């Protein structure tokens, strides 16, 4: 074989070239022919495992690429958090607060209706008496029903919180703890009125593991703390 430096012939058993003293390259002998193995230079040597090659084309992990993983971890932690259901006594206190608010609004509405009714009768030179006060009671009754319906449907459909629920730290939600629609809020209110004569419908919160009343089962809603 030849020396890779001076190209002088050297014996396979020689450890260095007798002419220039260069170390011969390692060779492998194959049956029938001989194949040379060339050693890499220092510039061509591969980098160690775990070492990043210093090239201008290496990919740099951006902050945006790590964002989805952070979001997945955050969502996983949120799902693993224990849901705190609204208990019977907390819900009862919230409902009492709502009734107080509705009573104040109904009182103001009733006073305005009475003034409007009295002014209307005075335009015909008539006064409010026991004989003509019946229409006023009808207006007040339907007005109270409409006010109560609008109150619960509007607040539950907007953010799931009436004033009472807001003060007591409660929220009405649907599946996946999302805000319910006005249609579902109206269905829940109709079910609440329908089950009102049966106190067991609301008392069922005491036995339900998710603290749900009968109208919650019918409307597909839950009351949680938060």
N, C-alpha and C. Protein backbone atom coordinates (compact mmCIF):
# COMPACT_ATOMS: atom_id res chain seq x y z
N UNK A 1 0.84 -1.20 0.00
CA UNK A 1 0.00 0.00 0.00
C UNK A 1 0.87 1.24 0.00
N UNK A 2 0.25 2.38 -0.30
CA UNK A 2 0.99 3.64 -0.43
C UNK A 2 0.77 4.51 0.80
N UNK A 3 1.75 5.31 1.09
CA UNK A 3 1.64 6.29 2.18
C UNK A 3 0.70 7.41 1.76
N UNK A 4 -0.19 7.80 2.63
CA UNK A 4 -1.13 8.86 2.28
C UNK A 4 -0.49 10.23 2.23
N UNK A 5 0.79 10.31 2.72
CA UNK A 5 1.45 11.62 2.75
C UNK A 5 2.41 11.78 1.58
N UNK A 6 3.34 10.81 1.45
CA UNK A 6 4.35 10.94 0.37
C UNK A 6 4.12 9.98 -0.77
N UNK A 7 3.08 9.11 -0.63
CA UNK A 7 2.72 8.15 -1.66
C UNK A 7 3.86 7.19 -1.98
N UNK A 8 4.70 6.90 -1.01
CA UNK A 8 5.74 5.88 -1.16
C UNK A 8 5.18 4.54 -0.67
N UNK A 9 5.61 3.44 -1.28
CA UNK A 9 5.12 2.14 -0.83
C UNK A 9 5.61 1.81 0.57
N UNK A 10 4.72 1.27 1.38
CA UNK A 10 5.06 0.82 2.72
C UNK A 10 4.44 -0.55 2.93
N UNK A 11 5.01 -1.29 3.86
CA UNK A 11 4.52 -2.63 4.15
C UNK A 11 3.31 -2.54 5.10
N UNK A 12 2.40 -3.48 4.97
CA UNK A 12 1.22 -3.45 5.88
C UNK A 12 1.59 -3.57 7.35
N UNK A 13 2.76 -4.23 7.63
CA UNK A 13 3.13 -4.40 9.02
C UNK A 13 3.80 -3.17 9.62
N UNK A 14 4.20 -2.20 8.75
CA UNK A 14 4.88 -1.00 9.26
C UNK A 14 3.90 -0.11 10.02
N UNK A 15 4.38 0.40 11.15
CA UNK A 15 3.56 1.30 11.94
C UNK A 15 3.66 2.74 11.48
N UNK A 16 4.71 3.08 10.70
CA UNK A 16 4.84 4.42 10.15
C UNK A 16 5.59 4.34 8.85
N UNK A 17 5.51 5.37 8.04
CA UNK A 17 6.17 5.40 6.74
C UNK A 17 7.68 5.51 6.94
N UNK A 18 8.48 4.61 6.34
CA UNK A 18 9.93 4.69 6.50
C UNK A 18 10.52 5.92 5.83
N UNK A 19 9.75 6.56 4.93
CA UNK A 19 10.28 7.73 4.21
C UNK A 19 9.98 9.04 4.94
N UNK A 20 8.66 9.25 5.27
CA UNK A 20 8.29 10.53 5.91
C UNK A 20 7.89 10.38 7.36
N UNK A 21 7.72 9.16 7.82
CA UNK A 21 7.36 8.94 9.22
C UNK A 21 5.88 9.13 9.53
N UNK A 22 5.03 9.27 8.49
CA UNK A 22 3.60 9.47 8.73
C UNK A 22 2.95 8.17 9.15
N UNK A 23 1.94 8.28 10.03
CA UNK A 23 1.21 7.10 10.47
C UNK A 23 0.27 6.66 9.36
N UNK A 24 0.27 5.38 8.99
CA UNK A 24 -0.61 4.92 7.91
C UNK A 24 -2.06 4.88 8.38
N UNK A 25 -2.98 5.05 7.44
CA UNK A 25 -4.39 4.95 7.73
C UNK A 25 -4.77 3.50 8.02
N UNK A 26 -5.81 3.33 8.88
CA UNK A 26 -6.29 1.97 9.15
C UNK A 26 -6.97 1.43 7.91
N UNK A 27 -6.76 0.19 7.66
CA UNK A 27 -7.33 -0.45 6.48
C UNK A 27 -8.02 -1.74 6.88
N UNK A 28 -8.99 -2.09 6.10
CA UNK A 28 -9.65 -3.38 6.26
C UNK A 28 -9.39 -4.20 5.00
N UNK A 29 -9.10 -5.46 5.20
CA UNK A 29 -8.80 -6.35 4.09
C UNK A 29 -10.03 -7.20 3.82
N UNK A 30 -10.55 -7.16 2.60
CA UNK A 30 -11.71 -7.93 2.19
C UNK A 30 -11.27 -9.00 1.20
N UNK A 31 -12.04 -10.05 1.11
CA UNK A 31 -11.71 -11.15 0.21
C UNK A 31 -11.76 -10.66 -1.22
N UNK A 32 -10.65 -10.81 -1.92
CA UNK A 32 -10.61 -10.49 -3.35
C UNK A 32 -10.18 -9.08 -3.65
N UNK A 33 -10.43 -8.11 -2.76
CA UNK A 33 -10.01 -6.74 -3.04
C UNK A 33 -9.80 -6.03 -1.71
N UNK A 34 -9.29 -4.87 -1.77
CA UNK A 34 -8.93 -4.11 -0.59
C UNK A 34 -9.67 -2.78 -0.60
N UNK A 35 -10.31 -2.41 0.49
CA UNK A 35 -11.06 -1.16 0.57
C UNK A 35 -10.43 -0.29 1.66
N UNK A 36 -10.19 0.93 1.32
CA UNK A 36 -9.56 1.85 2.26
C UNK A 36 -10.61 2.58 3.08
N UNK A 37 -10.28 2.83 4.34
CA UNK A 37 -11.11 3.64 5.20
C UNK A 37 -10.39 4.94 5.45
N UNK A 38 -11.02 6.00 5.17
CA UNK A 38 -10.40 7.31 5.35
C UNK A 38 -10.88 7.90 6.66
N UNK A 39 -9.95 8.38 7.44
CA UNK A 39 -10.28 9.01 8.72
C UNK A 39 -10.75 10.43 8.48
N UNK A 40 -11.71 10.88 9.28
CA UNK A 40 -12.21 12.25 9.18
C UNK A 40 -11.22 13.22 9.77
N UNK A 41 -11.18 14.38 9.20
CA UNK A 41 -10.32 15.43 9.74
C UNK A 41 -10.98 16.04 10.97
N UNK A 42 -10.26 16.91 11.64
CA UNK A 42 -10.78 17.52 12.86
C UNK A 42 -12.02 18.36 12.57
N UNK A 43 -12.08 18.95 11.37
CA UNK A 43 -13.25 19.77 11.02
C UNK A 43 -14.46 18.92 10.69
N UNK A 44 -14.22 17.64 10.28
CA UNK A 44 -15.32 16.78 9.88
C UNK A 44 -15.76 15.81 10.97
N UNK A 45 -15.12 15.86 12.14
CA UNK A 45 -15.45 14.93 13.20
C UNK A 45 -16.88 15.17 13.69
N UNK A 46 -17.62 14.12 13.91
CA UNK A 46 -19.00 14.29 14.40
C UNK A 46 -19.00 14.79 15.83
N UNK A 47 -20.06 15.54 16.18
CA UNK A 47 -20.19 16.06 17.53
C UNK A 47 -20.69 14.97 18.46
N UNK A 48 -20.42 15.15 19.76
CA UNK A 48 -20.83 14.19 20.76
C UNK A 48 -22.34 14.23 20.96
N UNK A 49 -22.89 13.16 21.51
CA UNK A 49 -24.33 13.09 21.79
C UNK A 49 -24.68 14.13 22.84
N UNK A 50 -25.71 14.90 22.58
CA UNK A 50 -26.10 15.96 23.50
C UNK A 50 -25.45 17.28 23.19
N UNK A 51 -24.49 17.29 22.25
CA UNK A 51 -23.81 18.52 21.88
C UNK A 51 -24.49 19.11 20.66
N UNK A 52 -24.72 20.39 20.64
CA UNK A 52 -25.40 21.06 19.53
C UNK A 52 -24.37 21.57 18.56
N UNK A 53 -24.44 21.20 17.30
CA UNK A 53 -23.46 21.71 16.33
C UNK A 53 -23.62 23.21 16.15
N UNK A 54 -22.48 23.86 16.01
CA UNK A 54 -22.48 25.31 15.87
C UNK A 54 -22.63 25.68 14.42
N UNK A 55 -23.85 25.64 13.94
CA UNK A 55 -24.15 26.03 12.57
C UNK A 55 -25.23 27.06 12.59
N UNK A 56 -25.30 27.80 11.55
CA UNK A 56 -26.29 28.87 11.47
C UNK A 56 -27.66 28.36 11.13
N UNK A 57 -27.76 27.07 10.73
CA UNK A 57 -29.05 26.54 10.30
C UNK A 57 -29.76 25.74 11.37
N UNK A 58 -29.19 25.67 12.58
CA UNK A 58 -29.81 24.85 13.61
C UNK A 58 -31.15 25.46 14.03
N UNK A 59 -32.17 24.64 14.27
CA UNK A 59 -33.47 25.18 14.68
C UNK A 59 -33.42 25.68 16.10
N UNK A 60 -34.06 26.78 16.36
CA UNK A 60 -34.13 27.37 17.68
C UNK A 60 -35.55 27.24 18.18
N UNK A 61 -35.72 26.64 19.33
CA UNK A 61 -37.07 26.46 19.89
C UNK A 61 -37.63 27.80 20.26
N UNK A 62 -38.74 28.13 19.67
CA UNK A 62 -39.36 29.42 19.94
C UNK A 62 -40.31 29.30 21.10
N UNK A 63 -40.65 30.44 21.65
CA UNK A 63 -41.58 30.46 22.78
C UNK A 63 -42.96 30.04 22.36
N UNK A 64 -43.32 30.32 21.10
CA UNK A 64 -44.66 29.97 20.62
C UNK A 64 -44.84 28.47 20.52
N UNK A 65 -43.70 27.73 20.18
CA UNK A 65 -43.84 26.28 20.06
C UNK A 65 -44.11 25.62 21.39
N UNK A 66 -43.67 26.27 22.49
CA UNK A 66 -43.91 25.69 23.81
C UNK A 66 -45.27 26.07 24.38
N UNK A 67 -45.92 27.02 23.77
CA UNK A 67 -47.19 27.52 24.29
C UNK A 67 -48.27 26.44 24.33
N UNK A 68 -48.47 25.65 23.25
CA UNK A 68 -49.53 24.62 23.31
C UNK A 68 -49.34 23.65 24.46
N UNK A 69 -48.09 23.27 24.76
CA UNK A 69 -47.87 22.35 25.86
C UNK A 69 -48.25 22.99 27.19
N UNK A 70 -47.94 24.29 27.34
CA UNK A 70 -48.32 24.99 28.57
C UNK A 70 -49.83 25.07 28.71
N UNK A 71 -50.51 25.29 27.59
CA UNK A 71 -51.97 25.36 27.62
C UNK A 71 -52.57 24.01 27.98
N UNK A 72 -52.00 22.92 27.44
CA UNK A 72 -52.51 21.58 27.74
C UNK A 72 -52.34 21.27 29.22
N UNK A 73 -51.18 21.63 29.77
CA UNK A 73 -50.95 21.39 31.18
C UNK A 73 -51.91 22.20 32.05
N UNK A 74 -52.15 23.46 31.64
CA UNK A 74 -53.07 24.29 32.41
C UNK A 74 -54.49 23.76 32.36
N UNK A 75 -54.92 23.32 31.17
CA UNK A 75 -56.26 22.75 31.04
C UNK A 75 -56.38 21.46 31.85
N UNK A 76 -55.31 20.66 31.87
CA UNK A 76 -55.34 19.43 32.65
C UNK A 76 -55.47 19.72 34.13
N UNK A 77 -54.77 20.76 34.61
CA UNK A 77 -54.89 21.12 36.01
C UNK A 77 -56.28 21.62 36.32
N UNK A 78 -56.87 22.39 35.38
CA UNK A 78 -58.22 22.90 35.61
C UNK A 78 -59.23 21.76 35.70
N UNK A 79 -59.07 20.75 34.85
CA UNK A 79 -60.02 19.63 34.88
C UNK A 79 -59.88 18.81 36.15
N UNK A 80 -58.66 18.78 36.67
CA UNK A 80 -58.42 17.98 37.87
C UNK A 80 -58.87 18.67 39.14
N UNK A 81 -59.15 19.97 39.05
CA UNK A 81 -59.60 20.66 40.24
C UNK A 81 -60.99 20.15 40.64
N UNK A 82 -61.21 19.99 41.91
CA UNK A 82 -62.48 19.48 42.41
C UNK A 82 -63.56 20.55 42.30
N UNK A 83 -64.72 20.16 41.76
CA UNK A 83 -65.83 21.09 41.62
C UNK A 83 -66.51 21.26 42.97
N UNK A 84 -66.76 22.48 43.35
CA UNK A 84 -67.43 22.78 44.62
C UNK A 84 -68.89 23.10 44.32
N UNK A 85 -69.78 22.21 44.72
CA UNK A 85 -71.20 22.38 44.44
C UNK A 85 -71.82 23.36 45.44
N UNK A 86 -72.86 24.05 44.98
CA UNK A 86 -73.60 24.94 45.87
C UNK A 86 -74.54 24.15 46.76
N UNK A 87 -74.36 24.23 48.07
CA UNK A 87 -75.16 23.44 49.01
C UNK A 87 -76.55 24.02 49.24
N UNK A 88 -77.34 23.28 49.99
CA UNK A 88 -78.74 23.64 50.21
C UNK A 88 -78.86 24.98 50.95
N UNK A 89 -78.15 25.16 52.04
CA UNK A 89 -78.31 26.36 52.85
C UNK A 89 -77.77 27.59 52.13
N UNK A 90 -76.68 27.43 51.39
CA UNK A 90 -76.16 28.57 50.63
C UNK A 90 -77.13 28.97 49.52
N UNK A 91 -77.71 27.98 48.85
CA UNK A 91 -78.68 28.28 47.80
C UNK A 91 -79.94 28.91 48.38
N UNK A 92 -80.35 28.44 49.56
CA UNK A 92 -81.54 29.02 50.19
C UNK A 92 -81.32 30.48 50.55
N UNK A 93 -80.16 30.78 51.09
CA UNK A 93 -79.84 32.18 51.43
C UNK A 93 -79.81 33.05 50.18
N UNK A 94 -79.25 32.52 49.11
CA UNK A 94 -79.22 33.29 47.85
C UNK A 94 -80.63 33.54 47.33
N UNK A 95 -81.51 32.54 47.45
CA UNK A 95 -82.89 32.70 46.99
C UNK A 95 -83.64 33.72 47.85
N UNK A 96 -83.38 33.73 49.15
CA UNK A 96 -84.01 34.72 50.03
C UNK A 96 -83.57 36.13 49.64
N UNK A 97 -82.29 36.29 49.34
CA UNK A 97 -81.80 37.61 48.91
C UNK A 97 -82.48 38.02 47.61
N UNK A 98 -82.64 37.07 46.69
CA UNK A 98 -83.32 37.39 45.43
C UNK A 98 -84.77 37.79 45.67
N UNK A 99 -85.45 37.13 46.60
CA UNK A 99 -86.83 37.49 46.90
C UNK A 99 -86.91 38.90 47.49
N UNK A 100 -85.93 39.28 48.31
CA UNK A 100 -85.92 40.63 48.88
C UNK A 100 -85.73 41.66 47.77
N UNK A 101 -84.81 41.38 46.85
CA UNK A 101 -84.59 42.30 45.72
C UNK A 101 -85.83 42.41 44.87
N UNK A 102 -86.47 41.27 44.56
CA UNK A 102 -87.68 41.29 43.74
C UNK A 102 -88.81 42.03 44.47
N UNK A 103 -88.91 41.88 45.78
CA UNK A 103 -89.96 42.57 46.55
C UNK A 103 -89.77 44.08 46.49
N UNK A 104 -88.53 44.52 46.58
CA UNK A 104 -88.26 45.97 46.49
C UNK A 104 -88.63 46.48 45.10
N UNK A 105 -88.23 45.73 44.06
CA UNK A 105 -88.58 46.14 42.70
C UNK A 105 -90.08 46.11 42.47
N UNK A 106 -90.75 45.10 43.02
CA UNK A 106 -92.20 45.00 42.87
C UNK A 106 -92.90 46.14 43.60
N UNK A 107 -92.37 46.55 44.76
CA UNK A 107 -92.96 47.67 45.49
C UNK A 107 -92.86 48.96 44.68
N UNK A 108 -91.69 49.16 44.08
CA UNK A 108 -91.52 50.37 43.24
C UNK A 108 -92.44 50.30 42.03
N UNK A 109 -92.53 49.13 41.40
CA UNK A 109 -93.40 48.98 40.24
C UNK A 109 -94.87 49.18 40.64
N UNK A 110 -95.26 48.61 41.78
CA UNK A 110 -96.64 48.76 42.23
C UNK A 110 -97.00 50.20 42.53
N UNK A 111 -96.05 50.94 43.12
CA UNK A 111 -96.31 52.35 43.40
C UNK A 111 -96.49 53.15 42.12
N UNK A 112 -95.67 52.84 41.12
CA UNK A 112 -95.79 53.55 39.84
C UNK A 112 -97.11 53.19 39.15
N UNK A 113 -97.50 51.91 39.23
CA UNK A 113 -98.78 51.52 38.62
C UNK A 113 -99.97 52.18 39.34
N UNK A 114 -99.88 52.28 40.65
CA UNK A 114 -100.96 52.91 41.40
C UNK A 114 -101.07 54.39 41.02
N UNK A 115 -99.92 55.07 40.91
CA UNK A 115 -99.97 56.48 40.51
C UNK A 115 -100.54 56.63 39.11
N UNK A 116 -100.10 55.76 38.18
CA UNK A 116 -100.61 55.83 36.81
C UNK A 116 -102.11 55.52 36.77
N UNK A 117 -102.55 54.56 37.56
CA UNK A 117 -103.97 54.20 37.58
C UNK A 117 -104.80 55.33 38.18
N UNK A 118 -104.30 55.94 39.23
CA UNK A 118 -105.02 57.04 39.87
C UNK A 118 -105.11 58.25 38.95
N UNK A 119 -104.01 58.53 38.24
CA UNK A 119 -104.02 59.67 37.31
C UNK A 119 -105.01 59.39 36.18
N UNK A 120 -105.05 58.14 35.72
CA UNK A 120 -105.99 57.80 34.65
C UNK A 120 -107.44 57.96 35.08
N UNK A 121 -107.76 57.59 36.32
CA UNK A 121 -109.14 57.76 36.81
C UNK A 121 -109.48 59.22 37.04
N UNK A 122 -108.49 59.98 37.51
CA UNK A 122 -108.75 61.41 37.76
C UNK A 122 -109.02 62.16 36.47
N UNK A 123 -108.51 61.65 35.36
CA UNK A 123 -108.78 62.30 34.08
C UNK A 123 -110.25 62.18 33.71
N UNK A 124 -110.93 61.19 34.29
CA UNK A 124 -112.36 61.02 34.06
C UNK A 124 -113.16 61.43 35.29
N UNK A 125 -112.55 62.23 36.14
CA UNK A 125 -113.21 62.72 37.37
C UNK A 125 -113.67 61.58 38.26
N UNK A 126 -112.81 60.58 38.38
CA UNK A 126 -113.12 59.45 39.23
C UNK A 126 -111.97 59.21 40.20
N UNK A 127 -112.25 58.62 41.33
CA UNK A 127 -111.23 58.31 42.34
C UNK A 127 -111.12 56.80 42.50
N UNK A 128 -110.02 56.38 43.11
CA UNK A 128 -109.79 54.95 43.33
C UNK A 128 -110.67 54.49 44.48
N UNK A 129 -111.53 53.53 44.19
CA UNK A 129 -112.44 52.98 45.22
C UNK A 129 -112.35 51.46 45.22
N UNK A 130 -113.04 50.85 46.15
CA UNK A 130 -113.04 49.39 46.22
C UNK A 130 -113.72 48.73 45.05
N UNK A 131 -114.57 49.50 44.33
CA UNK A 131 -115.30 48.94 43.20
C UNK A 131 -114.44 48.88 41.94
N UNK A 132 -113.54 49.87 41.77
CA UNK A 132 -112.76 49.93 40.53
C UNK A 132 -111.27 49.60 40.75
N UNK A 133 -110.94 49.06 41.90
CA UNK A 133 -109.53 48.75 42.17
C UNK A 133 -109.13 47.35 41.68
N UNK A 134 -110.14 46.55 41.29
CA UNK A 134 -109.85 45.19 40.84
C UNK A 134 -108.90 45.16 39.64
N UNK A 135 -109.07 45.99 38.62
CA UNK A 135 -108.10 45.98 37.51
C UNK A 135 -106.67 46.28 37.96
N UNK A 136 -106.54 47.13 38.98
CA UNK A 136 -105.20 47.44 39.48
C UNK A 136 -104.55 46.20 40.07
N UNK A 137 -105.29 45.40 40.82
CA UNK A 137 -104.75 44.17 41.37
C UNK A 137 -104.34 43.18 40.27
N UNK A 138 -105.11 43.16 39.20
CA UNK A 138 -104.77 42.27 38.07
C UNK A 138 -103.45 42.71 37.45
N UNK A 139 -103.28 44.03 37.24
CA UNK A 139 -102.04 44.56 36.69
C UNK A 139 -100.85 44.25 37.60
N UNK A 140 -101.06 44.41 38.90
CA UNK A 140 -99.99 44.15 39.86
C UNK A 140 -99.60 42.68 39.89
N UNK A 141 -100.60 41.79 39.76
CA UNK A 141 -100.31 40.35 39.79
C UNK A 141 -99.50 39.92 38.57
N UNK A 142 -99.97 40.33 37.40
CA UNK A 142 -99.24 39.97 36.19
C UNK A 142 -97.89 40.68 36.11
N UNK A 143 -97.85 41.89 36.62
CA UNK A 143 -96.57 42.62 36.65
C UNK A 143 -95.55 41.94 37.55
N UNK A 144 -96.02 41.42 38.71
CA UNK A 144 -95.11 40.71 39.61
C UNK A 144 -94.60 39.42 39.01
N UNK A 145 -95.48 38.69 38.32
CA UNK A 145 -95.06 37.44 37.66
C UNK A 145 -94.05 37.73 36.56
N UNK A 146 -94.35 38.74 35.76
CA UNK A 146 -93.42 39.11 34.68
C UNK A 146 -92.08 39.60 35.21
N UNK A 147 -92.11 40.40 36.28
CA UNK A 147 -90.87 40.91 36.86
C UNK A 147 -90.01 39.77 37.40
N UNK A 148 -90.62 38.83 38.10
CA UNK A 148 -89.86 37.70 38.66
C UNK A 148 -89.28 36.83 37.56
N UNK A 149 -90.08 36.57 36.52
CA UNK A 149 -89.59 35.76 35.40
C UNK A 149 -88.42 36.42 34.70
N UNK A 150 -88.57 37.70 34.41
CA UNK A 150 -87.50 38.43 33.73
C UNK A 150 -86.24 38.47 34.59
N UNK A 151 -86.42 38.62 35.89
CA UNK A 151 -85.27 38.71 36.80
C UNK A 151 -84.43 37.43 36.73
N UNK A 152 -85.05 36.27 36.93
CA UNK A 152 -84.29 35.03 36.97
C UNK A 152 -83.78 34.61 35.58
N UNK A 153 -84.62 34.76 34.56
CA UNK A 153 -84.19 34.35 33.22
C UNK A 153 -83.06 35.25 32.71
N UNK A 154 -83.18 36.54 32.94
CA UNK A 154 -82.17 37.48 32.44
C UNK A 154 -80.82 37.27 33.12
N UNK A 155 -80.82 37.22 34.43
CA UNK A 155 -79.55 37.08 35.14
C UNK A 155 -78.92 35.71 34.93
N UNK A 156 -79.74 34.65 34.92
CA UNK A 156 -79.19 33.32 34.70
C UNK A 156 -78.69 33.15 33.28
N UNK A 157 -79.35 33.76 32.31
CA UNK A 157 -78.91 33.64 30.92
C UNK A 157 -77.70 34.50 30.59
N UNK A 158 -77.50 35.58 31.34
CA UNK A 158 -76.36 36.47 31.06
C UNK A 158 -75.06 35.89 31.62
N UNK A 159 -74.97 35.73 32.90
CA UNK A 159 -73.73 35.25 33.53
C UNK A 159 -73.96 34.10 34.50
N UNK A 160 -75.21 33.63 34.63
CA UNK A 160 -75.48 32.54 35.55
C UNK A 160 -75.52 32.97 37.00
N UNK A 161 -75.59 34.28 37.25
CA UNK A 161 -75.58 34.77 38.63
C UNK A 161 -76.68 35.81 38.82
N UNK A 162 -77.59 35.54 39.73
CA UNK A 162 -78.51 36.57 40.19
C UNK A 162 -77.79 37.38 41.27
N UNK A 163 -78.45 38.38 41.80
CA UNK A 163 -77.81 39.18 42.85
C UNK A 163 -77.55 38.32 44.09
N UNK A 164 -78.50 37.46 44.42
CA UNK A 164 -78.31 36.56 45.56
C UNK A 164 -77.16 35.59 45.34
N UNK A 165 -77.08 34.98 44.16
CA UNK A 165 -75.98 34.06 43.87
C UNK A 165 -74.65 34.79 43.85
N UNK A 166 -74.65 36.01 43.36
CA UNK A 166 -73.41 36.78 43.32
C UNK A 166 -72.90 37.08 44.73
N UNK A 167 -73.81 37.43 45.64
CA UNK A 167 -73.41 37.72 47.02
C UNK A 167 -72.96 36.47 47.76
N UNK A 168 -73.56 35.32 47.44
CA UNK A 168 -73.22 34.07 48.13
C UNK A 168 -72.16 33.26 47.41
N UNK A 169 -71.60 33.79 46.32
CA UNK A 169 -70.54 33.09 45.61
C UNK A 169 -71.00 31.87 44.85
N UNK A 170 -72.19 31.93 44.24
CA UNK A 170 -72.73 30.81 43.48
C UNK A 170 -72.85 31.18 42.01
N UNK A 171 -72.93 30.16 41.17
CA UNK A 171 -73.10 30.38 39.74
C UNK A 171 -73.86 29.21 39.13
N UNK A 172 -74.81 29.53 38.27
CA UNK A 172 -75.58 28.51 37.56
C UNK A 172 -74.90 28.21 36.24
N UNK A 173 -74.59 26.93 35.98
CA UNK A 173 -73.87 26.55 34.77
C UNK A 173 -74.57 25.36 34.12
N UNK A 174 -74.18 25.13 32.86
CA UNK A 174 -74.65 23.96 32.14
C UNK A 174 -73.55 22.92 32.05
N UNK A 175 -73.57 22.15 30.97
CA UNK A 175 -72.53 21.14 30.77
C UNK A 175 -71.18 21.81 30.55
N UNK A 176 -70.11 21.14 30.96
CA UNK A 176 -68.75 21.67 30.86
C UNK A 176 -68.61 22.99 31.59
N UNK A 177 -69.51 23.24 32.56
CA UNK A 177 -69.47 24.44 33.39
C UNK A 177 -69.53 25.72 32.55
N UNK A 178 -70.30 25.67 31.48
CA UNK A 178 -70.48 26.84 30.64
C UNK A 178 -71.77 27.58 30.96
N UNK A 179 -71.85 28.82 30.49
CA UNK A 179 -73.04 29.63 30.72
C UNK A 179 -74.22 29.07 29.92
N UNK A 180 -75.39 29.07 30.53
CA UNK A 180 -76.57 28.52 29.86
C UNK A 180 -77.22 29.59 28.99
N UNK A 181 -78.09 29.14 28.10
CA UNK A 181 -78.81 30.06 27.22
C UNK A 181 -80.06 30.60 27.92
N UNK A 182 -80.65 31.65 27.34
CA UNK A 182 -81.88 32.21 27.91
C UNK A 182 -83.03 31.20 27.81
N UNK A 183 -83.01 30.40 26.76
CA UNK A 183 -84.05 29.39 26.60
C UNK A 183 -83.98 28.37 27.72
N UNK A 184 -82.77 27.91 28.05
CA UNK A 184 -82.61 26.94 29.13
C UNK A 184 -82.91 27.59 30.48
N UNK A 185 -82.57 28.87 30.61
CA UNK A 185 -82.88 29.58 31.85
C UNK A 185 -84.40 29.69 32.03
N UNK A 186 -85.12 29.93 30.93
CA UNK A 186 -86.58 30.01 31.01
C UNK A 186 -87.18 28.65 31.35
N UNK A 187 -86.65 27.57 30.75
CA UNK A 187 -87.13 26.23 31.06
C UNK A 187 -86.90 25.91 32.53
N UNK A 188 -85.77 26.31 33.06
CA UNK A 188 -85.48 26.05 34.46
C UNK A 188 -86.44 26.82 35.37
N UNK A 189 -86.77 28.05 34.99
CA UNK A 189 -87.69 28.84 35.81
C UNK A 189 -89.09 28.25 35.78
N UNK A 190 -89.55 27.79 34.61
CA UNK A 190 -90.86 27.15 34.52
C UNK A 190 -90.89 25.89 35.38
N UNK A 191 -89.79 25.10 35.33
CA UNK A 191 -89.73 23.90 36.16
C UNK A 191 -89.71 24.25 37.65
N UNK A 192 -89.06 25.35 38.00
CA UNK A 192 -89.03 25.78 39.40
C UNK A 192 -90.42 26.11 39.90
N UNK A 193 -91.18 26.85 39.08
CA UNK A 193 -92.55 27.20 39.45
C UNK A 193 -93.42 25.95 39.49
N UNK A 194 -93.20 25.02 38.54
CA UNK A 194 -94.02 23.81 38.50
C UNK A 194 -93.79 22.90 39.70
N UNK A 195 -92.55 22.84 40.18
CA UNK A 195 -92.24 21.98 41.32
C UNK A 195 -92.36 22.71 42.64
N UNK A 196 -92.74 23.98 42.61
CA UNK A 196 -92.83 24.77 43.84
C UNK A 196 -93.81 24.16 44.85
N UNK A 197 -95.00 23.68 44.42
CA UNK A 197 -95.90 23.07 45.41
C UNK A 197 -95.30 21.84 46.07
N UNK A 198 -94.39 21.15 45.37
CA UNK A 198 -93.73 19.98 45.93
C UNK A 198 -92.39 20.42 46.51
N UNK A 199 -92.38 20.68 47.79
CA UNK A 199 -91.15 21.15 48.42
C UNK A 199 -90.03 20.14 48.29
N UNK A 200 -90.37 18.88 48.04
CA UNK A 200 -89.36 17.83 47.90
C UNK A 200 -88.45 18.11 46.70
N UNK A 201 -88.99 18.82 45.69
CA UNK A 201 -88.17 19.13 44.52
C UNK A 201 -86.95 19.94 44.87
N UNK A 202 -87.10 20.91 45.76
CA UNK A 202 -85.96 21.71 46.18
C UNK A 202 -85.17 21.04 47.30
N UNK A 203 -85.87 20.31 48.17
CA UNK A 203 -85.19 19.60 49.25
C UNK A 203 -84.31 18.47 48.74
N UNK A 204 -84.50 18.08 47.48
CA UNK A 204 -83.69 17.02 46.90
C UNK A 204 -82.21 17.40 46.87
N UNK A 205 -81.92 18.68 46.98
CA UNK A 205 -80.53 19.15 47.03
C UNK A 205 -79.79 18.52 48.21
N UNK A 206 -80.51 18.23 49.28
CA UNK A 206 -79.89 17.65 50.47
C UNK A 206 -79.37 16.24 50.23
N UNK A 207 -80.00 15.49 49.31
CA UNK A 207 -79.61 14.11 49.06
C UNK A 207 -78.80 13.93 47.79
N UNK A 208 -78.86 14.90 46.91
CA UNK A 208 -78.14 14.78 45.64
C UNK A 208 -76.64 14.95 45.86
N UNK A 209 -75.84 14.07 45.25
CA UNK A 209 -74.39 14.16 45.40
C UNK A 209 -73.83 15.40 44.71
N UNK A 210 -74.54 15.91 43.70
CA UNK A 210 -74.12 17.12 42.99
C UNK A 210 -74.95 18.34 43.42
N UNK A 211 -75.73 18.18 44.49
CA UNK A 211 -76.53 19.28 45.04
C UNK A 211 -77.46 19.87 43.99
N UNK A 212 -78.21 18.99 43.29
CA UNK A 212 -79.12 19.44 42.24
C UNK A 212 -80.56 19.24 42.69
N UNK A 213 -81.39 20.23 42.37
CA UNK A 213 -82.83 20.12 42.61
C UNK A 213 -83.49 19.50 41.39
N UNK A 214 -84.78 19.23 41.50
CA UNK A 214 -85.48 18.60 40.38
C UNK A 214 -85.48 19.49 39.14
N UNK A 215 -85.63 20.79 39.34
CA UNK A 215 -85.62 21.67 38.17
C UNK A 215 -84.24 21.74 37.53
N UNK A 216 -83.17 21.45 38.30
CA UNK A 216 -81.83 21.38 37.71
C UNK A 216 -81.70 20.16 36.82
N UNK A 217 -82.27 19.03 37.27
CA UNK A 217 -82.23 17.82 36.44
C UNK A 217 -83.01 18.03 35.15
N UNK A 218 -84.16 18.65 35.25
CA UNK A 218 -84.99 18.86 34.06
C UNK A 218 -84.34 19.81 33.07
N UNK A 219 -83.71 20.87 33.56
CA UNK A 219 -83.10 21.86 32.67
C UNK A 219 -81.65 21.54 32.32
N UNK A 220 -81.06 20.54 32.96
CA UNK A 220 -79.67 20.20 32.67
C UNK A 220 -78.70 21.25 33.19
N UNK A 221 -78.89 21.70 34.43
CA UNK A 221 -78.07 22.74 35.01
C UNK A 221 -77.48 22.29 36.35
N UNK A 222 -76.44 22.99 36.76
CA UNK A 222 -75.79 22.75 38.05
C UNK A 222 -75.53 24.10 38.72
N UNK A 223 -75.50 24.10 40.02
CA UNK A 223 -75.14 25.31 40.78
C UNK A 223 -73.81 25.02 41.47
N UNK A 224 -72.79 25.79 41.12
CA UNK A 224 -71.46 25.59 41.67
C UNK A 224 -71.02 26.83 42.44
N UNK A 225 -70.00 26.67 43.21
CA UNK A 225 -69.43 27.80 43.95
C UNK A 225 -68.25 28.35 43.15
N UNK A 226 -68.29 29.64 42.90
CA UNK A 226 -67.19 30.24 42.15
C UNK A 226 -67.64 31.48 41.41
